[in-house]
Each structure stands twice: as structure tokens, then as C-alpha cells.
Amino acid sequence: MIVYHFMLGPGWQEGCKSCSFLTDHFEPAVVHLAHRDVIMIAVSKAPLAAIEAFRERMRWAFKWVSSFENAFNSDYHVSFSEDELARGEVYYNYAMTKFPGTEAPGLSVFLKDGDGQIFHTYSCYARGLDPLITAYNYLDLVPKGRDEDGLSFTMEWVRLHDSYED
């Protein structure tokens, strides 16, 4: 099972634009992965009702679960408490680092063996997620590339797919 840690925290009005950009690219793969015995889901710290409302708005059909009532996102270092943030650094992307908010992106992979035991086999975070974004693969082929150098942060240009102005 592949689990995408989608940044949508309790009380948020909508999901992270960068996570949404990435998710727009993984949904078409879900059917193909299922035929190779791989399940792909998203998980967020927000309550399930908020997740479902945003998923419906974005017209996504993939499975998306809530970790609102458990420590799953904290266990995989993608959700941080206000106390952790107040200390100045959190453990993210295999190191102590400053982080601007309570939610972070990531991806974790799990294997369930024949005896029913579950193993965490892989995780990646931050720019390690770039290969999952098909549009980046195309942008990397054109002369201007991603054209993100003059922006205040690399994905500043990204919008929710229903929010671009034509």
C-alpha cells in the first residue's frame, strides 16, 4: 500500500495547493496500480467530513482517510503539534529542521506479508515527491523548465485545478 500524506489539517478550509497538484497526477495511476496488487490512498489529519467535502469539490475518486483521532501522521513525521513548532525545529525528512506549519507532505509504503504482518518499507518527503508530479516531468523537458527561480517558494505558481484564471 502506498499512502500519500496530504496536507489538510483540522480547521483548514481547503487542502494544500502543492499536495493537490501532486494528487491530480496520482489518481489516473490508481486503477493500474490496483492491477499490480498495489493500493494507493491519501491520509490527512483533518476530520473525515472535511476531507470528503474537499475531495468532492476537486472531483477526486481515490480513497482518502482521516488520521484525526490517532497519531498516524505524527508517527510518520508529517503532522506537528504547536508545542513542537514552538521549540523551533521538528523532525521532518530525516532531520531536525524549521518548518512553517503543522502539516507536511510525504509518502509512505507498507507491505503486508502472508502472515498478516505489516512492514513500513519506504518513505520520502519534500522534493523527493517530485517524480510523482507528471507535469514537472514535462516542464523539465522545455527550455524554461519549471521556471521557479524568481518565486518566493518553488511551488508558488501552483493553484488548485479549479482556481486557475484562464
N, C-alpha and C. Protein backbone atom coordinates (compact mmCIF):
# COMPACT_ATOMS: atom_id res chain seq x y z
N MET A 1 0.84 -1.17 0.00
CA MET A 1 0.00 0.00 0.00
C MET A 1 0.89 1.24 0.00
N ILE A 2 0.51 2.19 -0.85
CA ILE A 2 1.17 3.49 -0.90
C ILE A 2 0.24 4.50 -0.23
N VAL A 3 0.78 5.23 0.74
CA VAL A 3 -0.01 6.22 1.46
C VAL A 3 0.60 7.59 1.21
N TYR A 4 -0.20 8.48 0.60
CA TYR A 4 0.25 9.86 0.42
C TYR A 4 -0.25 10.68 1.60
N HIS A 5 0.66 11.32 2.31
CA HIS A 5 0.33 12.19 3.44
C HIS A 5 -0.03 13.57 2.89
N PHE A 6 -1.32 13.81 2.74
CA PHE A 6 -1.86 15.02 2.13
C PHE A 6 -2.08 16.09 3.19
N MET A 7 -1.54 17.27 2.95
CA MET A 7 -1.64 18.37 3.91
C MET A 7 -3.05 18.98 3.91
N LEU A 8 -3.86 18.52 4.83
CA LEU A 8 -5.19 19.07 5.09
C LEU A 8 -5.43 18.87 6.59
N GLY A 9 -5.23 19.92 7.34
CA GLY A 9 -5.30 19.82 8.79
C GLY A 9 -6.66 20.18 9.34
N PRO A 10 -6.90 19.88 10.61
CA PRO A 10 -8.16 20.26 11.26
C PRO A 10 -8.39 21.76 11.15
N GLY A 11 -9.59 22.14 10.74
CA GLY A 11 -9.95 23.55 10.63
C GLY A 11 -9.57 24.21 9.32
N TRP A 12 -8.84 23.51 8.45
CA TRP A 12 -8.46 24.10 7.15
C TRP A 12 -9.69 24.17 6.26
N GLN A 13 -9.77 25.21 5.44
CA GLN A 13 -10.88 25.39 4.52
C GLN A 13 -10.69 24.60 3.22
N GLU A 14 -9.44 24.32 2.88
CA GLU A 14 -9.13 23.54 1.68
C GLU A 14 -7.77 22.90 1.84
N GLY A 15 -7.48 21.93 0.97
CA GLY A 15 -6.20 21.23 1.04
C GLY A 15 -5.07 22.07 0.49
N CYS A 16 -3.87 21.65 0.80
CA CYS A 16 -2.65 22.28 0.31
C CYS A 16 -2.64 22.30 -1.22
N LYS A 17 -2.26 23.43 -1.80
CA LYS A 17 -2.21 23.54 -3.27
C LYS A 17 -1.17 22.60 -3.87
N SER A 18 -0.01 22.48 -3.24
CA SER A 18 1.04 21.60 -3.77
C SER A 18 0.63 20.13 -3.66
N CYS A 19 0.01 19.75 -2.53
CA CYS A 19 -0.48 18.38 -2.39
C CYS A 19 -1.58 18.09 -3.42
N SER A 20 -2.43 19.08 -3.65
CA SER A 20 -3.49 18.91 -4.64
C SER A 20 -2.90 18.74 -6.04
N PHE A 21 -1.88 19.52 -6.36
CA PHE A 21 -1.18 19.40 -7.64
C PHE A 21 -0.63 17.99 -7.82
N LEU A 22 0.01 17.47 -6.78
CA LEU A 22 0.55 16.11 -6.85
C LEU A 22 -0.58 15.10 -7.00
N THR A 23 -1.63 15.25 -6.22
CA THR A 23 -2.73 14.30 -6.23
C THR A 23 -3.44 14.28 -7.58
N ASP A 24 -3.52 15.42 -8.25
CA ASP A 24 -4.09 15.43 -9.60
C ASP A 24 -3.37 14.44 -10.51
N HIS A 25 -2.11 14.16 -10.22
CA HIS A 25 -1.31 13.27 -11.05
C HIS A 25 -1.39 11.81 -10.64
N PHE A 26 -1.68 11.52 -9.36
CA PHE A 26 -1.67 10.12 -8.98
C PHE A 26 -2.99 9.42 -9.20
N GLU A 27 -4.08 10.16 -9.23
CA GLU A 27 -5.37 9.48 -9.39
C GLU A 27 -5.46 8.62 -10.66
N PRO A 28 -4.96 9.08 -11.81
CA PRO A 28 -5.05 8.21 -13.00
C PRO A 28 -4.28 6.89 -12.86
N ALA A 29 -3.29 6.85 -11.96
CA ALA A 29 -2.49 5.63 -11.80
C ALA A 29 -3.17 4.60 -10.91
N VAL A 30 -4.16 5.01 -10.11
CA VAL A 30 -4.76 4.11 -9.12
C VAL A 30 -5.27 2.82 -9.75
N VAL A 31 -5.96 2.90 -10.86
CA VAL A 31 -6.51 1.69 -11.49
C VAL A 31 -5.40 0.76 -11.97
N HIS A 32 -4.33 1.32 -12.49
CA HIS A 32 -3.21 0.50 -12.96
C HIS A 32 -2.49 -0.16 -11.78
N LEU A 33 -2.29 0.58 -10.71
CA LEU A 33 -1.63 0.04 -9.53
C LEU A 33 -2.44 -1.10 -8.93
N ALA A 34 -3.76 -0.94 -8.90
CA ALA A 34 -4.63 -1.98 -8.34
C ALA A 34 -4.46 -3.30 -9.08
N HIS A 35 -4.18 -3.24 -10.37
CA HIS A 35 -3.97 -4.46 -11.16
C HIS A 35 -2.58 -5.05 -10.95
N ARG A 36 -1.78 -4.41 -10.14
CA ARG A 36 -0.46 -4.95 -9.76
C ARG A 36 -0.44 -5.18 -8.25
N ASP A 37 -1.64 -5.31 -7.64
CA ASP A 37 -1.80 -5.61 -6.22
C ASP A 37 -1.25 -4.50 -5.33
N VAL A 38 -1.40 -3.25 -5.78
CA VAL A 38 -0.94 -2.09 -5.01
C VAL A 38 -2.14 -1.15 -4.79
N ILE A 39 -2.38 -0.79 -3.56
CA ILE A 39 -3.43 0.16 -3.21
C ILE A 39 -2.76 1.50 -2.95
N MET A 40 -3.36 2.57 -3.47
CA MET A 40 -2.83 3.91 -3.22
C MET A 40 -3.94 4.73 -2.59
N ILE A 41 -3.65 5.32 -1.42
CA ILE A 41 -4.63 6.14 -0.72
C ILE A 41 -3.95 7.42 -0.24
N ALA A 42 -4.78 8.36 0.19
CA ALA A 42 -4.28 9.57 0.85
C ALA A 42 -4.76 9.53 2.29
N VAL A 43 -4.00 10.21 3.16
CA VAL A 43 -4.39 10.35 4.56
C VAL A 43 -4.13 11.80 4.97
N SER A 44 -5.05 12.35 5.75
CA SER A 44 -4.91 13.72 6.26
C SER A 44 -5.34 13.75 7.71
N LYS A 45 -4.86 14.74 8.43
CA LYS A 45 -5.19 14.92 9.84
C LYS A 45 -6.58 15.52 10.04
N ALA A 46 -7.16 16.12 9.01
CA ALA A 46 -8.50 16.73 9.11
C ALA A 46 -9.55 15.66 9.40
N PRO A 47 -10.67 16.05 10.00
CA PRO A 47 -11.78 15.11 10.17
C PRO A 47 -12.30 14.64 8.81
N LEU A 48 -12.87 13.45 8.79
CA LEU A 48 -13.31 12.85 7.52
C LEU A 48 -14.32 13.72 6.77
N ALA A 49 -15.21 14.40 7.46
CA ALA A 49 -16.20 15.24 6.78
C ALA A 49 -15.52 16.35 5.98
N ALA A 50 -14.46 16.94 6.51
CA ALA A 50 -13.72 17.98 5.78
C ALA A 50 -12.99 17.39 4.58
N ILE A 51 -12.44 16.22 4.76
CA ILE A 51 -11.75 15.53 3.65
C ILE A 51 -12.74 15.25 2.53
N GLU A 52 -13.88 14.69 2.88
CA GLU A 52 -14.88 14.34 1.86
C GLU A 52 -15.40 15.57 1.13
N ALA A 53 -15.60 16.67 1.83
CA ALA A 53 -16.08 17.91 1.18
C ALA A 53 -15.05 18.40 0.17
N PHE A 54 -13.77 18.41 0.55
CA PHE A 54 -12.74 18.88 -0.38
C PHE A 54 -12.56 17.90 -1.53
N ARG A 55 -12.60 16.61 -1.25
CA ARG A 55 -12.46 15.59 -2.31
C ARG A 55 -13.59 15.74 -3.33
N GLU A 56 -14.80 15.98 -2.86
CA GLU A 56 -15.94 16.17 -3.76
C GLU A 56 -15.74 17.43 -4.61
N ARG A 57 -15.30 18.52 -3.97
CA ARG A 57 -15.05 19.77 -4.70
C ARG A 57 -14.06 19.55 -5.83
N MET A 58 -12.99 18.80 -5.56
CA MET A 58 -11.93 18.57 -6.54
C MET A 58 -12.27 17.44 -7.52
N ARG A 59 -13.38 16.76 -7.29
CA ARG A 59 -13.85 15.67 -8.16
C ARG A 59 -12.85 14.51 -8.23
N TRP A 60 -12.27 14.18 -7.08
CA TRP A 60 -11.36 13.05 -6.99
C TRP A 60 -12.14 11.83 -6.51
N ALA A 61 -11.75 10.65 -6.96
CA ALA A 61 -12.44 9.42 -6.58
C ALA A 61 -11.58 8.48 -5.73
N PHE A 62 -10.30 8.75 -5.58
CA PHE A 62 -9.42 7.85 -4.84
C PHE A 62 -9.82 7.78 -3.36
N LYS A 63 -9.38 6.71 -2.70
CA LYS A 63 -9.67 6.52 -1.28
C LYS A 63 -8.82 7.49 -0.45
N TRP A 64 -9.47 8.15 0.51
CA TRP A 64 -8.82 9.16 1.34
C TRP A 64 -9.34 8.98 2.75
N VAL A 65 -8.46 8.78 3.69
CA VAL A 65 -8.84 8.50 5.07
C VAL A 65 -8.36 9.61 6.00
N SER A 66 -8.91 9.61 7.22
CA SER A 66 -8.56 10.61 8.22
C SER A 66 -7.74 9.97 9.34
N SER A 67 -6.74 10.72 9.79
CA SER A 67 -5.99 10.31 10.99
C SER A 67 -6.30 11.27 12.14
N PHE A 68 -7.46 11.90 12.08
CA PHE A 68 -7.85 12.91 13.07
C PHE A 68 -7.81 12.37 14.49
N GLU A 69 -8.25 11.13 14.68
CA GLU A 69 -8.36 10.59 16.04
C GLU A 69 -7.23 9.63 16.40
N ASN A 70 -6.12 9.68 15.66
CA ASN A 70 -4.98 8.82 16.01
C ASN A 70 -3.67 9.55 15.70
N ALA A 71 -2.57 8.90 15.98
CA ALA A 71 -1.24 9.52 15.85
C ALA A 71 -0.52 9.13 14.56
N PHE A 72 -1.23 8.57 13.60
CA PHE A 72 -0.58 8.08 12.38
C PHE A 72 0.31 9.14 11.73
N ASN A 73 -0.22 10.33 11.48
CA ASN A 73 0.57 11.37 10.81
C ASN A 73 1.76 11.82 11.67
N SER A 74 1.58 11.88 12.96
CA SER A 74 2.70 12.22 13.85
C SER A 74 3.75 11.11 13.84
N ASP A 75 3.30 9.87 13.83
CA ASP A 75 4.22 8.73 13.82
C ASP A 75 5.12 8.75 12.58
N TYR A 76 4.59 9.26 11.46
CA TYR A 76 5.37 9.31 10.21
C TYR A 76 5.92 10.71 9.94
N HIS A 77 5.91 11.54 10.96
CA HIS A 77 6.58 12.85 10.97
C HIS A 77 6.08 13.80 9.88
N VAL A 78 4.74 13.84 9.72
CA VAL A 78 4.14 14.79 8.78
C VAL A 78 3.09 15.69 9.43
N SER A 79 2.83 15.50 10.73
CA SER A 79 1.97 16.40 11.50
C SER A 79 2.73 16.78 12.76
N PHE A 80 2.67 18.07 13.09
CA PHE A 80 3.43 18.59 14.22
C PHE A 80 2.51 19.37 15.14
N SER A 81 2.74 19.23 16.43
CA SER A 81 1.95 19.97 17.41
C SER A 81 2.47 21.40 17.51
N GLU A 82 1.66 22.26 18.08
CA GLU A 82 2.08 23.65 18.31
C GLU A 82 3.29 23.68 19.24
N ASP A 83 3.34 22.76 20.21
CA ASP A 83 4.49 22.68 21.13
C ASP A 83 5.77 22.33 20.38
N GLU A 84 5.67 21.38 19.44
CA GLU A 84 6.85 21.02 18.64
C GLU A 84 7.33 22.21 17.82
N LEU A 85 6.40 22.91 17.19
CA LEU A 85 6.76 24.07 16.37
C LEU A 85 7.37 25.17 17.23
N ALA A 86 6.87 25.34 18.45
CA ALA A 86 7.38 26.38 19.35
C ALA A 86 8.84 26.13 19.75
N ARG A 87 9.27 24.88 19.70
CA ARG A 87 10.67 24.56 20.03
C ARG A 87 11.63 25.00 18.93
N GLY A 88 11.08 25.37 17.76
CA GLY A 88 11.92 25.92 16.68
C GLY A 88 12.27 24.94 15.59
N GLU A 89 12.30 23.65 15.90
CA GLU A 89 12.61 22.65 14.89
C GLU A 89 11.76 21.40 15.14
N VAL A 90 11.44 20.72 14.03
CA VAL A 90 10.71 19.45 14.10
C VAL A 90 11.50 18.41 13.32
N TYR A 91 11.18 17.15 13.56
CA TYR A 91 11.83 16.07 12.81
C TYR A 91 11.03 15.84 11.53
N TYR A 92 11.61 16.22 10.39
CA TYR A 92 10.96 16.07 9.09
C TYR A 92 12.02 15.77 8.05
N ASN A 93 11.71 14.87 7.14
CA ASN A 93 12.63 14.49 6.07
C ASN A 93 13.97 14.01 6.63
N TYR A 94 13.87 13.20 7.69
CA TYR A 94 15.01 12.52 8.31
C TYR A 94 16.01 13.46 8.98
N ALA A 95 15.55 14.64 9.40
CA ALA A 95 16.46 15.58 10.07
C ALA A 95 15.63 16.58 10.89
N MET A 96 16.27 17.20 11.84
CA MET A 96 15.65 18.30 12.57
C MET A 96 15.72 19.52 11.67
N THR A 97 14.59 20.22 11.52
CA THR A 97 14.52 21.36 10.62
C THR A 97 13.45 22.33 11.07
N LYS A 98 13.56 23.58 10.64
CA LYS A 98 12.49 24.55 10.87
C LYS A 98 11.38 24.21 9.88
N PHE A 99 10.13 24.33 10.34
CA PHE A 99 9.01 24.05 9.44
C PHE A 99 7.93 25.09 9.70
N PRO A 100 7.27 25.58 8.63
CA PRO A 100 6.36 26.71 8.78
C PRO A 100 4.95 26.39 9.28
N GLY A 101 4.59 25.12 9.43
CA GLY A 101 3.21 24.82 9.81
C GLY A 101 3.05 23.46 10.44
N THR A 102 1.81 23.13 10.75
CA THR A 102 1.52 21.89 11.47
C THR A 102 1.45 20.65 10.58
N GLU A 103 1.36 20.83 9.27
CA GLU A 103 1.24 19.69 8.35
C GLU A 103 2.34 19.74 7.30
N ALA A 104 2.81 18.55 6.90
CA ALA A 104 3.88 18.44 5.90
C ALA A 104 3.53 17.32 4.92
N PRO A 105 4.06 17.39 3.69
CA PRO A 105 3.79 16.33 2.72
C PRO A 105 4.75 15.15 2.90
N GLY A 106 4.30 14.00 2.46
CA GLY A 106 5.16 12.82 2.49
C GLY A 106 4.46 11.64 1.83
N LEU A 107 5.19 10.56 1.69
CA LEU A 107 4.66 9.33 1.11
C LEU A 107 5.29 8.17 1.86
N SER A 108 4.46 7.21 2.26
CA SER A 108 4.95 6.02 2.94
C SER A 108 4.41 4.78 2.25
N VAL A 109 5.23 3.73 2.25
CA VAL A 109 4.86 2.47 1.60
C VAL A 109 4.89 1.36 2.64
N PHE A 110 3.89 0.48 2.56
CA PHE A 110 3.75 -0.62 3.50
C PHE A 110 3.54 -1.94 2.76
N LEU A 111 4.02 -3.01 3.38
CA LEU A 111 3.85 -4.36 2.85
C LEU A 111 3.15 -5.21 3.90
N LYS A 112 2.15 -5.96 3.48
CA LYS A 112 1.50 -6.93 4.36
C LYS A 112 1.92 -8.31 3.86
N ASP A 113 2.63 -9.05 4.71
CA ASP A 113 3.13 -10.37 4.27
C ASP A 113 2.05 -11.44 4.41
N GLY A 114 2.39 -12.66 4.02
CA GLY A 114 1.44 -13.77 4.04
C GLY A 114 0.92 -14.11 5.42
N ASP A 115 1.65 -13.74 6.47
CA ASP A 115 1.22 -13.98 7.85
C ASP A 115 0.40 -12.83 8.41
N GLY A 116 0.17 -11.79 7.60
CA GLY A 116 -0.61 -10.64 8.04
C GLY A 116 0.20 -9.58 8.76
N GLN A 117 1.52 -9.75 8.83
CA GLN A 117 2.36 -8.73 9.46
C GLN A 117 2.52 -7.55 8.49
N ILE A 118 2.54 -6.34 9.04
CA ILE A 118 2.67 -5.14 8.21
C ILE A 118 4.04 -4.53 8.46
N PHE A 119 4.71 -4.19 7.35
CA PHE A 119 6.05 -3.60 7.41
C PHE A 119 6.05 -2.26 6.69
N HIS A 120 6.70 -1.28 7.30
CA HIS A 120 6.93 0.02 6.67
C HIS A 120 8.20 -0.15 5.84
N THR A 121 8.09 -0.01 4.51
CA THR A 121 9.22 -0.32 3.63
C THR A 121 9.88 0.90 3.00
N TYR A 122 9.20 2.07 3.02
CA TYR A 122 9.75 3.23 2.32
C TYR A 122 9.00 4.47 2.74
N SER A 123 9.69 5.59 2.81
CA SER A 123 9.07 6.91 2.95
C SER A 123 9.92 7.93 2.23
N CYS A 124 9.28 8.97 1.72
CA CYS A 124 10.01 10.12 1.17
C CYS A 124 9.19 11.37 1.46
N TYR A 125 9.88 12.50 1.41
CA TYR A 125 9.28 13.76 1.81
C TYR A 125 9.77 14.88 0.91
N ALA A 126 9.10 16.04 1.01
CA ALA A 126 9.53 17.28 0.36
C ALA A 126 9.77 17.05 -1.14
N ARG A 127 10.91 17.50 -1.64
CA ARG A 127 11.20 17.42 -3.07
C ARG A 127 11.41 15.98 -3.55
N GLY A 128 11.51 15.04 -2.63
CA GLY A 128 11.57 13.62 -3.00
C GLY A 128 10.28 13.14 -3.64
N LEU A 129 9.23 13.94 -3.52
CA LEU A 129 7.93 13.60 -4.11
C LEU A 129 7.81 14.05 -5.57
N ASP A 130 8.75 14.86 -6.03
CA ASP A 130 8.68 15.42 -7.39
C ASP A 130 8.45 14.39 -8.50
N PRO A 131 9.06 13.20 -8.45
CA PRO A 131 8.82 12.25 -9.55
C PRO A 131 7.35 11.84 -9.71
N LEU A 132 6.53 12.05 -8.68
CA LEU A 132 5.12 11.70 -8.78
C LEU A 132 4.31 12.76 -9.52
N ILE A 133 4.92 13.90 -9.82
CA ILE A 133 4.22 15.01 -10.47
C ILE A 133 4.55 14.99 -11.97
N THR A 134 3.68 14.40 -12.74
CA THR A 134 3.90 14.25 -14.18
C THR A 134 4.16 15.58 -14.86
N ALA A 135 3.44 16.63 -14.47
CA ALA A 135 3.63 17.94 -15.10
C ALA A 135 5.07 18.43 -14.93
N TYR A 136 5.70 18.14 -13.78
CA TYR A 136 7.10 18.51 -13.59
C TYR A 136 8.00 17.76 -14.58
N ASN A 137 7.69 16.51 -14.84
CA ASN A 137 8.48 15.76 -15.81
C ASN A 137 8.42 16.41 -17.19
N TYR A 138 7.24 16.90 -17.57
CA TYR A 138 7.11 17.60 -18.84
C TYR A 138 7.81 18.96 -18.80
N LEU A 139 7.62 19.72 -17.71
CA LEU A 139 8.27 21.03 -17.61
C LEU A 139 9.80 20.90 -17.65
N ASP A 140 10.33 19.81 -17.11
CA ASP A 140 11.78 19.60 -17.13
C ASP A 140 12.32 19.39 -18.54
N LEU A 141 11.45 19.16 -19.51
CA LEU A 141 11.86 18.95 -20.91
C LEU A 141 11.89 20.24 -21.72
N VAL A 142 11.20 21.28 -21.29
CA VAL A 142 11.07 22.50 -22.09
C VAL A 142 12.17 23.50 -21.73
N PRO A 143 12.48 24.43 -22.63
CA PRO A 143 13.60 25.36 -22.42
C PRO A 143 13.56 26.13 -21.10
N LYS A 144 12.39 26.62 -20.68
CA LYS A 144 12.32 27.38 -19.43
C LYS A 144 12.25 26.48 -18.20
N GLY A 145 12.08 25.18 -18.39
CA GLY A 145 11.99 24.26 -17.26
C GLY A 145 10.83 24.61 -16.34
N ARG A 146 11.04 24.44 -15.07
CA ARG A 146 9.99 24.74 -14.09
C ARG A 146 9.81 26.23 -13.87
N ASP A 147 10.79 27.03 -14.25
CA ASP A 147 10.71 28.49 -14.19
C ASP A 147 10.27 28.98 -12.81
N GLU A 148 10.89 28.45 -11.75
CA GLU A 148 10.51 28.79 -10.40
C GLU A 148 11.55 29.65 -9.67
N ASP A 149 12.62 30.04 -10.35
CA ASP A 149 13.72 30.74 -9.68
C ASP A 149 13.32 32.05 -9.03
N GLY A 150 12.49 32.85 -9.64
CA GLY A 150 12.15 34.17 -9.09
C GLY A 150 11.00 34.16 -8.10
N LEU A 151 10.51 32.99 -7.76
CA LEU A 151 9.36 32.90 -6.85
C LEU A 151 9.81 32.88 -5.40
N SER A 152 8.91 33.24 -4.50
CA SER A 152 9.26 33.25 -3.08
C SER A 152 9.40 31.83 -2.52
N PHE A 153 8.74 30.85 -3.14
CA PHE A 153 8.97 29.44 -2.85
C PHE A 153 8.65 28.67 -4.13
N THR A 154 9.21 27.48 -4.26
CA THR A 154 9.22 26.79 -5.56
C THR A 154 7.85 26.55 -6.17
N MET A 155 6.86 26.27 -5.40
CA MET A 155 5.54 25.93 -5.96
C MET A 155 4.54 27.09 -5.83
N GLU A 156 5.04 28.30 -5.71
CA GLU A 156 4.17 29.46 -5.53
C GLU A 156 3.17 29.61 -6.69
N TRP A 157 3.54 29.21 -7.87
CA TRP A 157 2.70 29.37 -9.06
C TRP A 157 1.52 28.40 -9.10
N VAL A 158 1.59 27.31 -8.35
CA VAL A 158 0.57 26.26 -8.41
C VAL A 158 -0.75 26.74 -7.82
N ARG A 159 -1.84 26.38 -8.46
CA ARG A 159 -3.20 26.67 -7.99
C ARG A 159 -3.97 25.36 -7.90
N LEU A 160 -5.05 25.35 -7.11
CA LEU A 160 -5.97 24.22 -7.18
C LEU A 160 -6.50 24.18 -8.60
N HIS A 161 -6.73 22.97 -9.13
CA HIS A 161 -7.07 22.90 -10.55
C HIS A 161 -8.36 23.62 -10.90
N ASP A 162 -9.21 23.91 -9.90
CA ASP A 162 -10.43 24.68 -10.18
C ASP A 162 -10.26 26.18 -9.91
N SER A 163 -9.00 26.61 -9.70
CA SER A 163 -8.74 28.02 -9.33
C SER A 163 -7.84 28.78 -10.31
N TYR A 164 -7.41 28.15 -11.38
CA TYR A 164 -6.61 28.89 -12.37
C TYR A 164 -7.50 29.86 -13.12
N GLU A 165 -6.95 31.03 -13.40
CA GLU A 165 -7.67 32.00 -14.21
C GLU A 165 -7.23 31.80 -15.66
N ASP A 166 -8.17 31.68 -16.57
CA ASP A 166 -7.84 31.49 -17.99
C ASP A 166 -7.61 32.82 -18.66
